[in-house]
């Protein structure tokens, strides 16, 4: 049976969850929301701390949402998120997207945000997502494109960050530039082109509060998260290099004219 071969680059350090808990259905799944109906049964893959999952549960009050993640420890955070919001139509479990423990044709919508960039076989993952989706249902996927990220001012240390991050992510078995590849992966997974709707959207950080938050979490992540451990253990960077990159993030965050954009590819795939 297929199983995950990649490692999750980021891990679940506080600096990672700081960004993941910011995510909502509105800022991370807007391309999907117009397709939702109150009765739907939804599978949210790679749910992490569950903020998007909880939003989806509120949007399908007569349906049910199942959030799954490979990491059991982060699911406690997701359950707490749902409990704090008084949601009773949501549940959480561990799962590997390459071999989902659900019958064929189970869900109306299968959703994955920022997941396929981290898996070893995104085509197999999409095959599994397609398998557990009901005929006429939707597979919805959104992933970033690190190669398209843009920022100002262009500090040299930030260029070093991007080169290093992509190398570490690929060494772990992932593909950090997943966004533009989603349509190709979906076609290889069995979806026909006419049943794939492609779109793109961008996170843009530009206010003083956003810049401070974004620069701070990446400065911390660069030296204190699982990513930092993988960078040094894999021989991709020394601790000194990571410290230099972290300082570049903090310096960039002091500029009043700073802007950072994160592009995403999105696909809505209808199962025949």
Protein backbone atom coordinates (compact mmCIF):
# COMPACT_ATOMS: atom_id res chain seq x y z
CA UNK A 1 0.00 0.00 0.00
CA UNK A 2 1.40 3.46 -0.88
CA UNK A 3 2.54 5.54 2.05
CA UNK A 4 4.22 8.83 2.79
CA UNK A 5 7.91 9.01 1.91
CA UNK A 6 8.48 12.74 2.41
CA UNK A 7 9.15 14.51 5.68
CA UNK A 8 7.12 17.54 6.70
CA UNK A 9 9.62 20.35 6.29
CA UNK A 10 8.22 22.74 8.89
CA UNK A 11 7.12 20.58 11.79
CA UNK A 12 4.77 22.08 14.39
CA UNK A 13 6.96 24.54 16.26
CA UNK A 14 5.14 27.54 17.72
CA UNK A 15 6.49 29.73 14.90
CA UNK A 16 4.82 27.40 12.38
CA UNK A 17 1.49 27.25 14.22
CA UNK A 18 1.61 31.04 14.49
CA UNK A 19 1.04 31.20 10.74
CA UNK A 20 -1.19 28.14 10.44
CA UNK A 21 -3.70 29.41 13.02
CA UNK A 22 -3.99 32.66 11.03
CA UNK A 23 -5.47 30.74 8.11
CA UNK A 24 -9.22 30.84 7.56
CA UNK A 25 -11.58 29.58 4.90
CA UNK A 26 -11.90 33.18 3.70
CA UNK A 27 -8.18 33.87 3.26
CA UNK A 28 -7.13 30.37 2.23
CA UNK A 29 -10.08 28.63 0.52
CA UNK A 30 -12.12 31.42 -1.07
CA UNK A 31 -12.01 29.65 -4.46
CA UNK A 32 -14.01 26.77 -2.94
CA UNK A 33 -16.60 28.55 -0.82
CA UNK A 34 -19.08 29.29 -3.61
CA UNK A 35 -19.42 25.56 -4.26
CA UNK A 36 -20.37 24.61 -0.70
CA UNK A 37 -23.91 23.65 0.33
CA UNK A 38 -25.22 23.30 3.91
CA UNK A 39 -25.66 19.51 3.76
CA UNK A 40 -22.22 18.59 2.44
CA UNK A 41 -19.85 16.02 3.90
CA UNK A 42 -16.27 17.34 3.71
CA UNK A 43 -12.83 15.83 4.23
CA UNK A 44 -10.14 18.39 5.14
CA UNK A 45 -6.70 16.87 4.57
CA UNK A 46 -3.66 18.22 6.40
CA UNK A 47 -5.92 20.16 8.72
CA UNK A 48 -3.19 21.16 11.18
CA UNK A 49 -4.58 23.28 14.04
CA UNK A 50 -8.03 23.18 12.48
CA UNK A 51 -8.90 26.81 11.83
CA UNK A 52 -9.92 26.23 8.20
CA UNK A 53 -11.64 22.99 9.21
CA UNK A 54 -13.74 24.79 11.80
CA UNK A 55 -14.73 27.45 9.26
CA UNK A 56 -15.81 24.77 6.81
CA UNK A 57 -17.90 23.11 9.54
CA UNK A 58 -19.70 26.40 10.18
CA UNK A 59 -20.44 26.69 6.46
CA UNK A 60 -22.07 23.23 6.28
CA UNK A 61 -24.30 23.25 9.40
CA UNK A 62 -26.40 20.32 8.14
CA UNK A 63 -23.36 18.36 6.99
CA UNK A 64 -20.19 17.07 8.60
CA UNK A 65 -16.46 17.79 8.32
CA UNK A 66 -13.64 15.36 9.03
CA UNK A 67 -10.22 16.90 9.52
CA UNK A 68 -7.19 14.63 9.14
CA UNK A 69 -3.47 15.13 9.61
CA UNK A 70 -0.41 12.89 9.77
CA UNK A 71 0.63 14.38 13.12
CA UNK A 72 -1.47 13.29 16.09
CA UNK A 73 -0.05 16.01 18.35
CA UNK A 74 -1.46 18.88 16.28
CA UNK A 75 -4.95 17.34 16.31
CA UNK A 76 -5.35 18.21 20.00
CA UNK A 77 -5.05 21.83 18.95
CA UNK A 78 -7.63 21.27 16.21
CA UNK A 79 -10.09 19.64 18.60
CA UNK A 80 -9.67 22.56 21.00
CA UNK A 81 -10.34 25.01 18.17
CA UNK A 82 -13.62 23.26 17.31
CA UNK A 83 -14.65 22.99 20.96
CA UNK A 84 -13.99 26.69 21.59
CA UNK A 85 -16.38 27.49 18.74
CA UNK A 86 -19.04 25.07 19.95
CA UNK A 87 -18.97 22.95 16.80
CA UNK A 88 -20.53 19.49 16.95
CA UNK A 89 -20.40 18.55 13.26
CA UNK A 90 -16.62 18.10 13.05
CA UNK A 91 -14.22 15.31 13.97
CA UNK A 92 -10.49 14.72 13.65
CA UNK A 93 -8.25 11.71 12.98
CA UNK A 94 -4.77 10.80 11.77
CA UNK A 95 -4.38 9.80 8.12
CA UNK A 96 -1.89 9.46 5.28
CA UNK A 97 -3.22 11.09 2.12
CA UNK A 98 -1.50 8.41 0.01
CA UNK A 99 -3.75 5.71 1.54
CA UNK A 100 -6.90 7.19 3.07
CA UNK A 101 -8.84 4.93 5.41
CA UNK A 102 -12.25 5.78 3.94
CA UNK A 103 -14.49 3.89 1.50
CA UNK A 104 -14.88 4.94 -2.12
CA UNK A 105 -17.34 7.76 -2.85
CA UNK A 106 -17.63 8.98 0.76
CA UNK A 107 -17.32 12.78 0.63
CA UNK A 108 -18.98 15.61 -1.28
CA UNK A 109 -15.79 17.70 -1.04
CA UNK A 110 -12.19 16.70 -0.35
CA UNK A 111 -10.04 19.74 0.46
CA UNK A 112 -6.29 20.13 0.93
CA UNK A 113 -4.55 23.43 1.65
CA UNK A 114 -0.74 23.64 1.46
CA UNK A 115 -0.46 19.85 1.55
CA UNK A 116 0.72 18.55 -1.83
CA UNK A 117 3.93 20.58 -1.70
CA UNK A 118 4.93 18.45 1.29
CA UNK A 119 4.08 14.91 0.12
CA UNK A 120 6.23 12.35 -1.63
CA UNK A 121 3.73 11.43 -4.36
CA UNK A 122 1.22 14.20 -5.08
CA UNK A 123 -0.34 12.26 -7.97
CA UNK A 124 -1.09 9.29 -5.72
CA UNK A 125 -2.44 11.71 -3.11
CA UNK A 126 -4.83 13.15 -5.69
CA UNK A 127 -5.86 9.65 -6.79
CA UNK A 128 -6.82 8.89 -3.21
CA UNK A 129 -8.64 12.20 -2.84
CA UNK A 130 -10.54 11.42 -6.05
CA UNK A 131 -11.34 7.89 -4.90
CA UNK A 132 -13.04 8.98 -1.67
CA UNK A 133 -15.01 11.75 -3.43
CA UNK A 134 -18.56 11.02 -4.52
CA UNK A 135 -19.46 11.20 -8.24
CA UNK A 136 -20.22 14.84 -8.99
CA UNK A 137 -18.21 15.90 -5.94
CA UNK A 138 -15.21 18.21 -5.74
CA UNK A 139 -11.51 17.81 -5.00
CA UNK A 140 -10.20 21.25 -4.01
CA UNK A 141 -6.47 21.92 -3.66
CA UNK A 142 -4.47 25.09 -3.05
CA UNK A 143 -0.68 25.23 -2.86
CA UNK A 144 1.97 27.93 -2.81
CA UNK A 145 4.64 28.57 -5.41
CA UNK A 146 7.86 29.50 -3.62
CA UNK A 147 9.55 30.37 -6.91
CA UNK A 148 6.96 33.11 -7.43
CA UNK A 149 7.26 34.72 -4.01
CA UNK A 150 8.24 38.37 -4.23
CA UNK A 151 9.29 40.94 -1.67
CA UNK A 152 10.63 44.43 -1.30
CA UNK A 153 13.21 45.57 -0.37
CA UNK A 154 15.39 42.84 -1.92
CA UNK A 155 17.83 42.15 0.89
CA UNK A 156 20.56 39.62 -0.07
CA UNK A 157 19.91 37.48 2.99
CA UNK A 158 16.32 36.97 1.87
CA UNK A 159 17.48 35.53 -1.46
CA UNK A 160 19.64 33.15 0.57
CA UNK A 161 16.54 32.14 2.56
CA UNK A 162 14.59 31.20 -0.57
CA UNK A 163 17.42 29.19 -2.14
CA UNK A 164 18.03 27.34 1.11
CA UNK A 165 14.37 26.66 1.85
CA UNK A 166 13.73 25.14 -1.57
CA UNK A 167 16.80 22.91 -1.26
CA UNK A 168 15.80 21.65 2.19
CA UNK A 169 12.18 21.04 1.11
CA UNK A 170 13.24 19.02 -1.94
CA UNK A 171 15.77 17.03 0.07
CA UNK A 172 12.86 16.01 2.30
CA UNK A 173 10.90 14.74 -0.69
CA UNK A 174 8.57 17.69 -1.27
CA UNK A 175 8.06 20.22 -4.08
CA UNK A 176 7.95 23.83 -2.83
CA UNK A 177 6.84 25.15 -6.24
CA UNK A 178 3.71 23.00 -6.26
CA UNK A 179 1.15 25.65 -7.20
CA UNK A 180 1.67 25.70 -10.98
CA UNK A 181 1.91 21.88 -11.13
CA UNK A 182 -1.52 21.17 -9.64
CA UNK A 183 -3.39 20.86 -12.95
CA UNK A 184 -0.79 18.46 -14.37
CA UNK A 185 -0.86 16.33 -11.22
CA UNK A 186 -4.68 16.25 -11.28
CA UNK A 187 -4.73 15.09 -14.91
CA UNK A 188 -2.24 12.33 -14.11
CA UNK A 189 -4.49 11.34 -11.20
CA UNK A 190 -7.41 10.73 -13.56
CA UNK A 191 -9.26 14.05 -13.85
CA UNK A 192 -9.99 15.22 -17.40
CA UNK A 193 -8.99 18.80 -18.31
CA UNK A 194 -12.58 19.94 -18.84
CA UNK A 195 -13.40 18.98 -15.24
CA UNK A 196 -10.50 20.94 -13.76
CA UNK A 197 -11.01 24.62 -12.94
CA UNK A 198 -7.73 26.46 -12.36
CA UNK A 199 -7.32 29.73 -10.51
CA UNK A 200 -4.70 31.63 -8.54
CA UNK A 201 -4.68 33.95 -5.58
CA UNK A 202 -2.14 35.73 -3.42
CA UNK A 203 -1.47 36.48 0.19
CA UNK A 204 -0.05 39.99 0.46
CA UNK A 205 1.56 41.32 3.64
CA UNK A 206 2.12 45.06 3.69
CA UNK A 207 0.81 46.75 6.84
CA UNK A 208 3.23 47.31 9.74
CA UNK A 209 1.41 44.65 11.77
CA UNK A 210 1.50 42.11 8.92
CA UNK A 211 5.16 42.74 8.16
CA UNK A 212 6.16 42.41 11.82
CA UNK A 213 4.19 39.18 12.13
CA UNK A 214 5.45 37.59 8.90
CA UNK A 215 9.09 38.53 9.37
CA UNK A 216 9.06 37.48 13.01
CA UNK A 217 7.61 34.03 12.43
CA UNK A 218 10.07 33.28 9.61
CA UNK A 219 13.00 34.61 11.63
CA UNK A 220 12.03 32.26 14.46
CA UNK A 221 11.23 29.33 12.15
CA UNK A 222 14.62 29.60 10.48
CA UNK A 223 16.52 28.90 13.69
CA UNK A 224 14.11 27.05 16.00
CA UNK A 225 11.79 24.74 14.03
CA UNK A 226 12.06 21.28 12.48
CA UNK A 227 13.08 23.07 9.28
CA UNK A 228 16.19 24.40 11.04
CA UNK A 229 17.02 20.91 12.28
CA UNK A 230 16.61 19.44 8.79
CA UNK A 231 18.76 22.18 7.26
CA UNK A 232 21.69 21.50 9.59
CA UNK A 233 21.32 17.71 9.85
CA UNK A 234 21.16 17.42 6.07
CA UNK A 235 24.30 19.48 5.59
CA UNK A 236 22.45 22.25 3.77
CA UNK A 237 23.40 25.03 6.18
CA UNK A 238 25.40 25.71 9.30
CA UNK A 239 23.81 27.17 12.40
CA UNK A 240 25.69 30.38 11.59
CA UNK A 241 24.13 30.58 8.14
CA UNK A 242 20.66 30.07 9.59
CA UNK A 243 21.31 32.83 12.12
CA UNK A 244 22.32 35.15 9.27
CA UNK A 245 19.12 34.36 7.37
CA UNK A 246 17.09 34.95 10.53
CA UNK A 247 18.75 38.34 10.98
CA UNK A 248 17.92 39.20 7.35
CA UNK A 249 14.23 38.45 8.02
CA UNK A 250 14.27 40.71 11.08
CA UNK A 251 16.03 43.47 9.19
CA UNK A 252 13.55 43.24 6.32
CA UNK A 253 10.71 43.54 8.84
CA UNK A 254 11.98 46.94 10.02
CA UNK A 255 11.41 48.61 6.63
CA UNK A 256 8.30 50.77 6.49
CA UNK A 257 7.97 50.15 2.73
CA UNK A 258 8.23 46.36 3.03
CA UNK A 259 5.84 44.15 1.02
CA UNK A 260 5.72 40.35 0.67
CA UNK A 261 3.48 38.37 -1.70
CA UNK A 262 2.82 34.63 -1.68
CA UNK A 263 1.22 33.27 -4.90
CA UNK A 264 -0.93 30.14 -4.85
CA UNK A 265 -2.23 27.82 -7.52
CA UNK A 266 -5.76 26.45 -7.00
CA UNK A 267 -7.76 23.68 -8.62
CA UNK A 268 -11.39 22.56 -8.33
CA UNK A 269 -11.76 19.10 -9.85
CA UNK A 270 -15.18 17.52 -10.48
CA UNK A 271 -15.34 13.76 -10.27
CA UNK A 272 -17.28 12.09 -13.08
